[in-house]
Amino acid sequence: MGFKREYVESENPRPSKMCRTFPGKERDDKKICKVEEDNPTLEEANEWYKYMNDLKENGATEDDACIKQILNSTKSHEAVILEHGHTCKLIEDIFKLKKDAQLTFLKNLFENNNEEAVTRVFFQKSASYTIERWLKTFATPIPEGYTEVIGSFLNYLTSSIQKVLFNPPASNLLRTILNLIAVTEKLRKEKGKKNKISPEGKKKYLKLEESHKKIVDSFLFGEFAFGLKNFSEQSYLLQDTLNSCQYTQYETIKKYFNDVWSNNSENAILTSLKDQSASPVWECIFTLLKDSDVEVVKTFLTMNAIELSSHSVGNFAIGKFLKSHSNICDDLINTILPNMNLFIKSNYHNILDGILERMDKNQNCKDSFIQWFKQNYGKPSKALSYAKFLTDNGKCEGSPNGEISFDVKCLNPVKTKLMKSLFKIEPKGTSSFFENLSEKCFLDIIENRQGTALLETFVQQFAEGDIGADWLLGKLGSNLEKLLLGKSSVFVFLALWKTKLSLEKREELLKIVVNCKKESKVQQRFSRLLNDMDHQLFLENKKSWTKKYTPK
């Protein structure tokens, strides 16, 4: 199949290596930047932008021949193009999804530009992120043909390592490359002999892996030996360096942790856990270490649990430890459970997630949580207790006939999250809560985003979907349309539709929705819902619809 359009020559010839301007052309393109005296390469970059943008607007860059011409034309000028934001973004757009062109351009960068120009590129934000995106498109593991380019990047970055470490774009690029090498090493070892690599290729991979280990060692133990005092300043670097060791260098992570822990006082460690930049390094370490290697951490965190869990930053480390080592955290959870109200009020999702995760696996933790609930809001078997929980013992009331009402505006994401867990551990109590809601309160819930999130989860709890459908329709009565047309409440119905409904009940629901549409003044708003229910398939080929929805 031929090209859709013939190759179109650019109105503007490519910039000459000697000539820096186009005779008789006015620069009216908004992307062309004003030339500053202290930026001698900007005028050249503007000319390259004009040349390449003209080709792009003419549609010529869809042609492989044009891409080849651009690669040939820009030889020895790759650094200038990457150095400036407008040309860098343009070349990234032109080479989008063109991996071979990206690779050739980067090879040309190293082969045809002087060392100073290439190094300068890595310190530019736009260039750094463009190169990072290109490297990631090469695929992981790194293909054999790309190892030389990766090696060239490492050589340049490590030769200016002192500057790189304190320059965010360059540091980010280095961290990306370290991760790519680490993942590649992991995948290569997993594939083993199945991975067909030439002898020369093996040497190149080994060289990259050796470089990775050398750089990691210099950061953690050698030349730089970044310790606790550097956690804040080099937070991102340390996190990414440690993460890159998780696949094949676990002992490195363990040794680094032991060095930091043994060489610093408890007060210094406690202070760093409450530091906004340093704490993420601890979180990273907690995530990477095995349960058998964190006993000393568990003891320390349990001793300082109240102080850390109630701190706006320290709570993150507690939460991360709970989620990463839930099997050994019962003592820690029992220590912080009395602070649940603080966690809820302060939106400490990390700690709450850790507690809820452990509750799913451990009956003792579940019992402790229920005991806390009972002490604060009443028996979990009573429907009114949940209204008190959702409103912090605020605006809620129960009538003589057992109906419950509460201020739906009190709902928030944290309470919704906890209530969803209560559906699992106290199904009878939570069921009675929904069953006894007053009509007005129930309608308020389906108009509230957090309320519909609760209801959506609740309808999924029914062991038999048909019973859930009957309950929901009975609760709604004549207010079905309000549920079906609500921006968030419609997902309650879709959640019901995805439960294990009998074929008869599913067909009944479809007909109910169709009738609701016929009686509605805004029939067009039912289209998406009916599409999700495969209404058209039902009309045109009921046999196929029946086959699709017959319970298996």
Protein backbone atom coordinates (compact mmCIF):
# COMPACT_ATOMS: atom_id res chain seq x y z
CA MET A 1 0.00 0.00 0.00
CA GLY A 2 1.39 3.38 -1.01
CA PHE A 3 1.65 6.55 1.04
CA LYS A 4 -1.50 8.63 1.40
CA ARG A 5 0.21 11.74 0.18
CA GLU A 6 3.22 12.49 -1.94
CA TYR A 7 6.32 13.77 -0.23
CA VAL A 8 6.10 17.55 0.20
CA GLU A 9 9.27 19.54 0.20
CA SER A 10 9.49 22.13 2.94
CA GLU A 11 9.04 25.76 1.93
CA ASN A 12 12.04 26.52 4.09
CA PRO A 13 15.28 24.73 3.23
CA ARG A 14 17.06 23.06 6.13
CA PRO A 15 19.33 25.42 8.04
CA SER A 16 22.83 25.61 6.69
CA LYS A 17 25.65 24.80 9.06
CA MET A 18 27.02 28.25 8.23
CA CYS A 19 23.83 30.23 7.62
CA ARG A 20 21.68 31.03 10.64
CA THR A 21 18.74 32.87 9.00
CA PHE A 22 16.29 32.46 6.17
CA PRO A 23 16.45 35.35 3.69
CA GLY A 24 13.15 37.14 3.20
CA LYS A 25 11.22 35.14 5.80
CA GLU A 26 9.36 36.75 8.69
CA ARG A 27 9.26 34.74 11.93
CA ASP A 28 5.62 34.83 12.86
CA ASP A 29 5.54 31.44 14.55
CA LYS A 30 4.65 31.89 18.22
CA LYS A 31 6.90 29.01 19.25
CA ILE A 32 10.04 30.73 17.99
CA CYS A 33 11.86 32.20 20.95
CA LYS A 34 13.47 35.59 21.34
CA VAL A 35 17.22 35.38 20.96
CA GLU A 36 19.22 36.37 24.02
CA GLU A 37 22.84 37.45 23.91
CA ASP A 38 23.80 34.85 26.55
CA ASN A 39 22.19 32.02 24.60
CA PRO A 40 24.19 31.73 21.37
CA THR A 41 22.53 28.51 20.17
CA LEU A 42 18.94 29.77 20.43
CA GLU A 43 18.90 31.40 16.99
CA GLU A 44 20.08 28.15 15.43
CA ALA A 45 17.39 26.28 17.37
CA ASN A 46 14.76 28.68 16.00
CA GLU A 47 15.87 27.90 12.46
CA TRP A 48 15.62 24.17 13.11
CA TYR A 49 12.17 24.65 14.56
CA LYS A 50 11.06 26.55 11.46
CA TYR A 51 12.43 23.85 9.18
CA MET A 52 10.96 20.85 11.02
CA ASN A 53 7.63 22.45 11.89
CA ASP A 54 7.04 23.31 8.24
CA LEU A 55 7.57 19.66 7.31
CA LYS A 56 5.24 18.56 10.07
CA GLU A 57 2.46 20.96 9.08
CA ASN A 58 2.70 19.80 5.47
CA GLY A 59 2.21 16.22 6.65
CA ALA A 60 5.58 15.19 5.28
CA THR A 61 6.76 13.70 8.58
CA GLU A 62 4.33 10.80 8.10
CA ASP A 63 6.69 9.62 5.34
CA ASP A 64 9.69 7.49 6.36
CA ALA A 65 11.75 9.23 3.68
CA CYS A 66 11.15 12.55 5.41
CA ILE A 67 12.16 11.11 8.79
CA LYS A 68 15.37 9.86 7.22
CA GLN A 69 16.02 13.30 5.75
CA ILE A 70 15.52 14.96 9.13
CA LEU A 71 17.97 12.53 10.74
CA ASN A 72 20.57 13.27 8.06
CA SER A 73 19.97 17.02 8.11
CA THR A 74 20.25 17.34 11.89
CA LYS A 75 23.54 15.45 12.21
CA SER A 76 25.91 17.39 14.47
CA HIS A 77 22.98 19.56 15.63
CA GLU A 78 21.19 17.06 17.89
CA ALA A 79 22.47 18.76 21.04
CA VAL A 80 21.14 22.17 19.97
CA ILE A 81 17.72 20.71 19.16
CA LEU A 82 17.44 18.89 22.49
CA GLU A 83 18.83 21.79 24.48
CA HIS A 84 15.90 24.10 23.73
CA GLY A 85 12.38 23.36 24.85
CA HIS A 86 10.47 24.24 21.67
CA THR A 87 12.69 22.21 19.32
CA CYS A 88 12.96 19.36 21.82
CA LYS A 89 9.18 18.99 22.07
CA LEU A 90 8.84 19.20 18.31
CA ILE A 91 11.39 16.47 17.59
CA GLU A 92 9.75 14.28 20.24
CA ASP A 93 6.40 14.77 18.54
CA ILE A 94 7.82 14.02 15.09
CA PHE A 95 9.57 10.85 16.29
CA LYS A 96 6.62 9.67 18.37
CA LEU A 97 6.24 5.87 18.07
CA LYS A 98 9.26 5.82 15.72
CA LYS A 99 11.71 3.83 17.86
CA ASP A 100 14.35 3.42 15.17
CA ALA A 101 14.41 7.16 14.53
CA GLN A 102 14.71 7.87 18.25
CA LEU A 103 17.61 5.46 18.58
CA THR A 104 19.42 6.83 15.52
CA PHE A 105 18.98 10.40 16.78
CA LEU A 106 20.47 9.50 20.16
CA LYS A 107 23.38 7.63 18.55
CA ASN A 108 24.05 10.68 16.39
CA LEU A 109 23.94 12.84 19.52
CA PHE A 110 26.91 11.00 21.00
CA GLU A 111 28.83 10.47 17.75
CA ASN A 112 28.55 13.93 16.18
CA ASN A 113 28.45 16.46 19.03
CA ASN A 114 31.21 17.62 21.33
CA GLU A 115 31.27 16.51 24.96
CA GLU A 116 30.36 19.91 26.38
CA ALA A 117 27.27 20.22 24.16
CA VAL A 118 26.07 16.70 24.98
CA THR A 119 26.58 17.17 28.71
CA ARG A 120 24.67 20.47 28.61
CA VAL A 121 21.65 18.64 27.17
CA PHE A 122 21.21 16.43 30.23
CA PHE A 123 20.75 19.44 32.49
CA GLN A 124 17.79 20.78 30.51
CA LYS A 125 14.38 19.79 31.82
CA SER A 126 12.66 19.28 28.47
CA ALA A 127 15.59 17.28 27.04
CA SER A 128 15.89 15.10 30.12
CA TYR A 129 12.24 14.08 30.08
CA THR A 130 12.17 13.57 26.31
CA ILE A 131 15.18 11.26 26.51
CA GLU A 132 13.62 9.47 29.48
CA ARG A 133 10.43 8.80 27.53
CA TRP A 134 12.42 7.58 24.53
CA LEU A 135 14.49 5.21 26.66
CA LYS A 136 11.33 3.74 28.16
CA THR A 137 9.85 3.13 24.69
CA PHE A 138 12.87 1.01 23.78
CA ALA A 139 11.17 -1.71 25.87
CA THR A 140 12.27 -3.57 28.95
CA PRO A 141 14.48 -5.50 29.03
CA ILE A 142 16.80 -3.20 27.12
CA PRO A 143 17.23 -4.69 23.62
CA GLU A 144 20.77 -5.70 22.73
CA GLY A 145 21.01 -3.00 20.07
CA TYR A 146 20.33 -0.27 22.62
CA THR A 147 23.00 -1.16 25.17
CA GLU A 148 25.63 1.11 23.62
CA VAL A 149 23.37 4.17 23.87
CA ILE A 150 22.54 3.37 27.51
CA GLY A 151 26.24 2.93 28.20
CA SER A 152 27.03 6.28 26.58
CA PHE A 153 24.45 8.00 28.79
CA LEU A 154 25.99 6.46 31.89
CA ASN A 155 29.49 7.53 30.88
CA TYR A 156 28.44 11.15 30.37
CA LEU A 157 26.32 11.33 33.50
CA THR A 158 28.90 9.75 35.80
CA SER A 159 31.68 11.95 34.42
CA SER A 160 29.76 14.96 35.79
CA ILE A 161 28.27 13.15 38.77
CA GLN A 162 28.76 15.98 41.27
CA LYS A 163 26.65 18.32 39.13
CA VAL A 164 24.18 15.59 38.17
CA LEU A 165 23.28 14.80 41.78
CA PHE A 166 22.14 18.35 42.43
CA ASN A 167 20.39 18.94 39.11
CA PRO A 168 16.81 17.53 39.07
CA PRO A 169 16.56 16.83 35.29
CA ALA A 170 19.96 15.12 35.07
CA SER A 171 19.43 13.23 38.33
CA ASN A 172 16.03 12.05 37.14
CA LEU A 173 17.55 10.74 33.91
CA LEU A 174 20.26 8.86 35.80
CA ARG A 175 17.69 7.29 38.13
CA THR A 176 15.61 6.17 35.15
CA ILE A 177 18.62 4.49 33.55
CA LEU A 178 19.54 2.73 36.79
CA ASN A 179 16.03 1.30 37.00
CA LEU A 180 16.07 0.18 33.35
CA ILE A 181 19.34 -1.67 33.89
CA ALA A 182 18.05 -3.30 37.09
CA VAL A 183 14.81 -4.50 35.50
CA THR A 184 16.74 -5.77 32.48
CA GLU A 185 19.12 -7.75 34.71
CA LYS A 186 16.16 -9.31 36.54
CA LEU A 187 14.38 -10.32 33.33
CA ARG A 188 17.57 -11.66 31.77
CA LYS A 189 18.18 -13.94 34.76
CA GLU A 190 14.57 -15.11 34.75
CA LYS A 191 14.74 -16.10 31.08
CA GLY A 192 18.14 -17.73 31.47
CA LYS A 193 19.14 -19.83 28.46
CA LYS A 194 15.89 -19.01 26.67
CA ASN A 195 17.22 -15.50 26.18
CA LYS A 196 19.19 -15.59 22.92
CA ILE A 197 22.02 -13.09 23.16
CA SER A 198 25.26 -12.94 21.21
CA PRO A 199 28.55 -13.32 23.13
CA GLU A 200 29.29 -9.67 22.41
CA GLY A 201 25.84 -8.72 23.67
CA LYS A 202 26.39 -10.58 26.95
CA LYS A 203 29.55 -8.56 27.53
CA LYS A 204 27.63 -5.32 26.97
CA TYR A 205 24.88 -6.33 29.40
CA LEU A 206 27.42 -7.37 32.02
CA LYS A 207 29.20 -4.05 31.60
CA LEU A 208 25.93 -2.18 32.23
CA GLU A 209 25.23 -4.31 35.31
CA GLU A 210 28.73 -3.68 36.64
CA SER A 211 28.26 0.05 36.08
CA HIS A 212 24.94 -0.10 37.92
CA LYS A 213 26.49 -1.82 40.93
CA LYS A 214 29.43 0.57 40.95
CA ILE A 215 27.14 3.62 40.93
CA VAL A 216 24.87 2.16 43.62
CA ASP A 217 27.84 1.35 45.85
CA SER A 218 29.22 4.87 45.44
CA PHE A 219 25.88 6.37 46.50
CA LEU A 220 25.23 4.08 49.46
CA PHE A 221 28.65 3.10 50.81
CA GLY A 222 31.56 4.55 48.84
CA GLU A 223 32.42 7.99 47.51
CA PHE A 224 29.17 9.64 48.59
CA ALA A 225 27.91 7.26 51.29
CA PHE A 226 24.60 9.06 51.62
CA GLY A 227 23.34 8.40 55.14
CA LEU A 228 20.51 9.56 57.37
CA LYS A 229 21.66 13.16 57.20
CA ASN A 230 21.21 13.03 53.41
CA PHE A 231 17.73 11.49 53.44
CA SER A 232 16.04 14.84 53.02
CA GLU A 233 18.33 16.38 50.39
CA GLN A 234 18.74 13.21 48.29
CA SER A 235 15.33 11.68 48.94
CA TYR A 236 14.41 10.85 45.33
CA LEU A 237 17.88 9.58 44.48
CA LEU A 238 18.00 7.25 47.47
CA GLN A 239 14.50 5.91 46.87
CA ASP A 240 15.17 5.13 43.22
CA THR A 241 18.61 3.71 43.95
CA LEU A 242 17.22 1.35 46.59
CA ASN A 243 14.28 0.41 44.38
CA SER A 244 16.69 -0.50 41.59
CA CYS A 245 18.33 -2.99 43.97
CA GLN A 246 15.15 -4.88 44.84
CA TYR A 247 15.43 -7.39 41.99
CA THR A 248 18.94 -8.79 42.30
CA GLN A 249 20.70 -6.91 45.12
CA TYR A 250 18.58 -7.47 48.24
CA GLU A 251 21.68 -7.82 50.42
CA THR A 252 22.68 -4.30 49.39
CA ILE A 253 19.37 -2.93 50.70
CA LYS A 254 19.70 -4.92 53.92
CA LYS A 255 23.29 -3.77 54.49
CA TYR A 256 22.39 -0.14 53.85
CA PHE A 257 19.49 -0.30 56.30
CA ASN A 258 21.66 -1.91 58.99
CA ASP A 259 24.36 0.73 58.50
CA VAL A 260 21.91 3.64 58.79
CA TRP A 261 20.05 2.12 61.73
CA SER A 262 23.14 1.24 63.75
CA ASN A 263 24.98 4.52 63.11
CA ASN A 264 22.24 6.90 64.25
CA SER A 265 20.48 7.61 67.52
CA GLU A 266 16.82 6.80 68.12
CA ASN A 267 16.06 10.51 68.36
CA ALA A 268 17.67 11.16 64.98
CA ILE A 269 15.69 8.33 63.39
CA LEU A 270 12.46 9.54 65.00
CA THR A 271 13.08 13.07 63.72
CA SER A 272 13.73 11.82 60.19
CA LEU A 273 10.51 9.78 60.22
CA LYS A 274 8.64 13.04 60.81
CA ASP A 275 10.49 14.92 58.07
CA GLN A 276 8.53 15.42 54.85
CA SER A 277 11.47 14.64 52.56
CA ALA A 278 13.30 12.05 54.68
CA SER A 279 10.28 9.95 55.64
CA PRO A 280 9.69 8.64 52.06
CA VAL A 281 13.17 7.06 52.15
CA TRP A 282 12.17 5.12 55.26
CA GLU A 283 8.89 4.15 53.61
CA CYS A 284 10.87 2.82 50.65
CA ILE A 285 13.15 0.80 52.95
CA PHE A 286 10.19 -0.61 54.90
CA THR A 287 8.58 -1.71 51.65
CA LEU A 288 11.70 -3.47 50.34
CA LEU A 289 12.79 -5.30 53.50
CA LYS A 290 11.51 -8.77 54.39
CA ASP A 291 9.55 -9.45 57.58
CA SER A 292 12.51 -11.32 59.03
CA ASP A 293 14.75 -8.25 58.76
CA VAL A 294 12.52 -5.59 60.37
CA GLU A 295 12.07 -6.84 63.94
CA VAL A 296 14.09 -3.91 65.28
CA VAL A 297 11.93 -1.49 63.28
CA LYS A 298 8.69 -3.05 64.55
CA THR A 299 9.85 -2.67 68.15
CA PHE A 300 10.90 0.94 67.58
CA LEU A 301 7.67 1.90 65.82
CA THR A 302 5.54 0.23 68.50
CA MET A 303 7.40 2.19 71.20
CA ASN A 304 6.82 5.45 69.31
CA ALA A 305 3.49 4.52 67.74
CA ILE A 306 1.36 7.19 69.42
CA GLU A 307 3.75 10.03 68.55
CA LEU A 308 4.29 8.93 64.95
CA SER A 309 0.74 7.87 64.13
CA SER A 310 -0.63 11.21 65.28
CA HIS A 311 1.96 13.20 63.31
CA SER A 312 1.01 14.68 59.92
CA VAL A 313 4.12 13.16 58.29
CA GLY A 314 5.07 10.35 60.66
CA ASN A 315 1.78 8.58 60.05
CA PHE A 316 2.89 7.75 56.50
CA ALA A 317 5.80 5.62 57.74
CA ILE A 318 3.51 3.79 60.18
CA GLY A 319 0.98 3.18 57.42
CA LYS A 320 3.62 1.92 54.98
CA PHE A 321 5.04 -0.47 57.59
CA LEU A 322 1.56 -1.82 58.38
CA LYS A 323 0.82 -2.50 54.72
CA SER A 324 4.23 -4.01 53.97
CA HIS A 325 4.49 -6.19 57.09
CA SER A 326 0.91 -6.78 58.17
CA ASN A 327 1.63 -10.34 59.35
CA ILE A 328 3.84 -9.14 62.21
CA CYS A 329 2.02 -5.93 63.17
CA ASP A 330 -0.66 -7.03 65.65
CA ASP A 331 1.05 -5.35 68.62
CA LEU A 332 1.53 -2.16 66.65
CA ILE A 333 -2.11 -2.12 65.55
CA ASN A 334 -3.37 -2.69 69.09
CA THR A 335 -1.22 0.22 70.23
CA ILE A 336 -2.63 2.71 67.72
CA LEU A 337 -6.28 1.55 67.55
CA PRO A 338 -7.35 3.91 70.38
CA ASN A 339 -6.31 6.75 68.05
CA MET A 340 -8.75 5.71 65.30
CA ASN A 341 -10.85 8.83 65.72
CA LEU A 342 -7.77 10.97 65.09
CA PHE A 343 -6.88 8.98 61.97
CA ILE A 344 -10.42 9.44 60.66
CA LYS A 345 -10.57 13.13 61.46
CA SER A 346 -7.12 13.77 59.95
CA ASN A 347 -7.75 11.62 56.84
CA TYR A 348 -4.76 9.37 57.55
CA HIS A 349 -5.57 6.91 54.77
CA ASN A 350 -2.20 5.13 54.99
CA ILE A 351 -2.72 3.95 58.55
CA LEU A 352 -6.37 3.12 57.99
CA ASP A 353 -5.51 1.07 54.89
CA GLY A 354 -2.92 -0.86 56.88
CA ILE A 355 -5.38 -1.62 59.67
CA LEU A 356 -8.13 -2.65 57.24
CA GLU A 357 -5.74 -4.89 55.31
CA ARG A 358 -4.78 -6.72 58.49
CA MET A 359 -8.44 -7.02 59.51
CA ASP A 360 -9.10 -9.05 56.37
CA LYS A 361 -6.53 -11.64 57.45
CA ASN A 362 -6.59 -11.67 61.25
CA GLN A 363 -9.54 -12.31 63.57
CA ASN A 364 -7.83 -10.71 66.60
CA CYS A 365 -7.36 -7.45 64.71
CA LYS A 366 -10.97 -7.65 63.56
CA ASP A 367 -12.16 -8.17 67.15
CA SER A 368 -10.10 -5.20 68.35
CA PHE A 369 -11.61 -2.99 65.67
CA ILE A 370 -15.16 -4.08 66.57
CA GLN A 371 -14.42 -3.40 70.23
CA TRP A 372 -13.29 0.13 69.34
CA PHE A 373 -16.45 0.64 67.29
CA LYS A 374 -18.64 -0.62 70.12
CA GLN A 375 -17.04 1.68 72.69
CA ASN A 376 -17.49 4.74 70.49
CA TYR A 377 -20.77 4.20 68.63
CA GLY A 378 -22.67 1.31 70.20
CA LYS A 379 -23.33 -2.32 69.36
CA PRO A 380 -22.48 -3.17 65.73
CA SER A 381 -25.66 -5.25 65.57
CA LYS A 382 -27.75 -2.08 65.96
CA ALA A 383 -28.59 -0.10 62.82
CA LEU A 384 -28.44 3.25 64.61
CA SER A 385 -24.80 2.63 65.59
CA TYR A 386 -23.76 3.06 61.95
CA ALA A 387 -25.62 6.34 61.64
CA LYS A 388 -23.74 7.55 64.73
CA PHE A 389 -20.48 6.37 63.19
CA LEU A 390 -21.09 8.15 59.88
CA THR A 391 -22.00 11.42 61.64
CA ASP A 392 -19.55 11.29 64.57
CA ASN A 393 -22.46 10.92 66.96
CA GLY A 394 -23.94 14.03 65.37
CA LYS A 395 -27.14 14.61 63.43
CA CYS A 396 -28.83 11.21 63.46
CA GLU A 397 -31.98 9.84 65.02
CA GLY A 398 -34.13 6.75 65.19
CA SER A 399 -37.92 6.82 65.18
CA PRO A 400 -40.24 4.58 67.26
CA ASN A 401 -41.00 2.47 64.19
CA GLY A 402 -37.30 1.75 63.71
CA GLU A 403 -36.61 4.16 60.84
CA ILE A 404 -33.23 5.87 60.82
CA SER A 405 -32.29 9.25 59.43
CA PHE A 406 -29.02 11.16 59.49
CA ASP A 407 -27.32 14.13 57.86
CA VAL A 408 -25.92 12.68 54.62
CA LYS A 409 -23.63 15.71 54.25
CA CYS A 410 -21.49 14.21 57.03
CA LEU A 411 -20.32 11.44 54.71
CA ASN A 412 -16.66 11.60 53.65
CA PRO A 413 -14.20 9.28 51.86
CA VAL A 414 -12.64 7.97 55.07
CA LYS A 415 -15.97 7.03 56.65
CA THR A 416 -17.05 5.48 53.35
CA LYS A 417 -13.89 3.36 53.25
CA LEU A 418 -14.39 2.09 56.80
CA MET A 419 -18.08 1.46 56.28
CA LYS A 420 -17.29 -0.70 53.24
CA SER A 421 -15.09 -2.86 55.47
CA LEU A 422 -17.88 -3.10 58.01
CA PHE A 423 -20.11 -4.56 55.28
CA LYS A 424 -17.78 -7.57 55.27
CA ILE A 425 -17.22 -8.07 58.99
CA GLU A 426 -20.72 -7.09 60.21
CA PRO A 427 -23.08 -7.97 57.34
CA LYS A 428 -26.21 -8.26 59.51
CA GLY A 429 -25.75 -4.94 61.27
CA THR A 430 -24.94 -2.99 58.11
CA SER A 431 -27.85 -4.62 56.26
CA SER A 432 -30.27 -3.51 58.96
CA PHE A 433 -28.84 0.00 58.66
CA PHE A 434 -29.77 0.27 54.97
CA GLU A 435 -33.07 -1.52 55.39
CA ASN A 436 -34.19 0.88 58.12
CA LEU A 437 -33.21 4.13 56.41
CA SER A 438 -36.11 6.53 56.04
CA GLU A 439 -37.29 7.24 52.50
CA LYS A 440 -36.00 10.83 52.62
CA CYS A 441 -32.60 9.76 53.94
CA PHE A 442 -32.31 7.03 51.30
CA LEU A 443 -33.08 9.53 48.53
CA ASP A 444 -30.51 11.92 50.00
CA ILE A 445 -27.95 9.11 49.82
CA ILE A 446 -28.50 8.49 46.11
CA GLU A 447 -27.90 12.18 45.47
CA ASN A 448 -24.61 12.16 47.40
CA ARG A 449 -21.40 10.89 45.81
CA GLN A 450 -20.11 9.21 48.97
CA GLY A 451 -23.57 7.85 49.64
CA THR A 452 -23.81 6.19 46.25
CA ALA A 453 -20.31 4.73 46.74
CA LEU A 454 -21.61 3.07 49.91
CA LEU A 455 -24.78 1.86 48.25
CA GLU A 456 -22.85 0.53 45.27
CA THR A 457 -20.71 -1.65 47.53
CA PHE A 458 -23.72 -2.73 49.57
CA VAL A 459 -25.70 -4.11 46.62
CA GLN A 460 -22.66 -6.19 45.68
CA GLN A 461 -22.76 -7.91 49.09
CA PHE A 462 -25.97 -9.84 48.36
CA ALA A 463 -25.25 -13.54 47.99
CA GLU A 464 -28.15 -13.73 45.53
CA GLY A 465 -28.37 -10.89 43.03
CA ASP A 466 -32.13 -11.31 42.60
CA ILE A 467 -32.72 -10.53 46.27
CA GLY A 468 -30.53 -7.43 45.96
CA ALA A 469 -32.49 -6.30 42.91
CA ASP A 470 -35.84 -6.74 44.66
CA TRP A 471 -34.57 -4.88 47.71
CA LEU A 472 -33.24 -1.92 45.70
CA LEU A 473 -36.36 -1.60 43.54
CA GLY A 474 -38.58 -1.86 46.60
CA LYS A 475 -36.56 0.79 48.43
CA LEU A 476 -36.70 3.17 45.46
CA GLY A 477 -40.38 2.77 44.68
CA SER A 478 -41.37 5.51 42.24
CA ASN A 479 -37.92 7.14 42.48
CA LEU A 480 -36.14 4.76 40.12
CA GLU A 481 -35.53 7.45 37.49
CA LYS A 482 -33.68 9.57 40.04
CA LEU A 483 -31.23 6.70 40.57
CA LEU A 484 -30.84 5.86 36.87
CA LEU A 485 -30.13 9.43 35.77
CA GLY A 486 -27.86 10.49 38.62
CA LYS A 487 -24.21 11.08 37.69
CA SER A 488 -22.95 8.79 40.45
CA SER A 489 -26.10 6.91 41.46
CA VAL A 490 -26.39 5.20 38.06
CA PHE A 491 -23.30 3.19 39.04
CA VAL A 492 -25.33 1.65 41.85
CA PHE A 493 -27.63 0.14 39.24
CA LEU A 494 -24.69 -0.94 37.08
CA ALA A 495 -23.10 -2.60 40.11
CA LEU A 496 -26.36 -4.50 40.61
CA TRP A 497 -26.38 -5.45 36.91
CA LYS A 498 -22.94 -7.03 37.33
CA THR A 499 -24.03 -9.25 40.23
CA LYS A 500 -25.15 -12.86 39.78
CA LEU A 501 -28.68 -12.22 38.54
CA SER A 502 -30.91 -14.91 37.13
CA LEU A 503 -31.75 -14.56 33.46
CA GLU A 504 -35.40 -13.88 34.31
CA LYS A 505 -34.52 -11.10 36.76
CA ARG A 506 -32.06 -9.56 34.30
CA GLU A 507 -34.71 -9.44 31.58
CA GLU A 508 -37.18 -7.98 34.08
CA LEU A 509 -34.72 -5.21 35.00
CA LEU A 510 -34.11 -4.40 31.34
CA LYS A 511 -37.84 -4.03 30.71
CA ILE A 512 -38.23 -1.86 33.82
CA VAL A 513 -35.51 0.50 32.57
CA VAL A 514 -37.07 0.63 29.08
CA ASN A 515 -40.46 1.51 30.58
CA CYS A 516 -38.84 4.12 32.80
CA LYS A 517 -37.30 5.67 29.69
CA LYS A 518 -40.66 5.77 27.88
CA GLU A 519 -42.24 7.67 30.76
CA SER A 520 -39.30 10.05 31.13
CA LYS A 521 -39.11 13.59 29.79
CA VAL A 522 -35.39 13.14 29.09
CA GLN A 523 -35.34 9.86 27.19
CA GLN A 524 -32.00 10.58 25.51
CA ARG A 525 -30.23 10.33 28.87
CA PHE A 526 -31.00 6.62 29.08
CA SER A 527 -28.94 5.73 26.00
CA ARG A 528 -25.65 4.97 27.74
CA LEU A 529 -27.27 2.87 30.45
CA LEU A 530 -29.26 0.81 27.95
CA ASN A 531 -26.10 0.37 25.91
CA ASP A 532 -24.35 -1.07 28.99
CA MET A 533 -27.27 -3.45 29.38
CA ASP A 534 -26.97 -4.55 25.72
CA HIS A 535 -30.52 -3.46 24.95
CA GLN A 536 -29.87 -3.31 21.20
CA LEU A 537 -28.55 -6.88 21.23
CA PHE A 538 -31.65 -7.93 23.16
CA LEU A 539 -33.89 -6.44 20.44
CA GLU A 540 -31.93 -7.73 17.45
CA ASN A 541 -30.68 -11.10 18.65
CA LYS A 542 -32.24 -12.21 21.91
CA LYS A 543 -30.60 -15.61 21.60
CA SER A 544 -27.13 -14.03 21.72
CA TRP A 545 -28.19 -11.76 24.59
CA THR A 546 -29.49 -14.77 26.49
CA LYS A 547 -26.27 -16.69 25.87
CA LYS A 548 -24.18 -13.77 27.09
CA TYR A 549 -26.09 -13.36 30.34
CA THR A 550 -26.97 -16.97 31.17
CA PRO A 551 -25.38 -17.70 34.60
CA LYS A 552 -22.43 -20.07 34.33
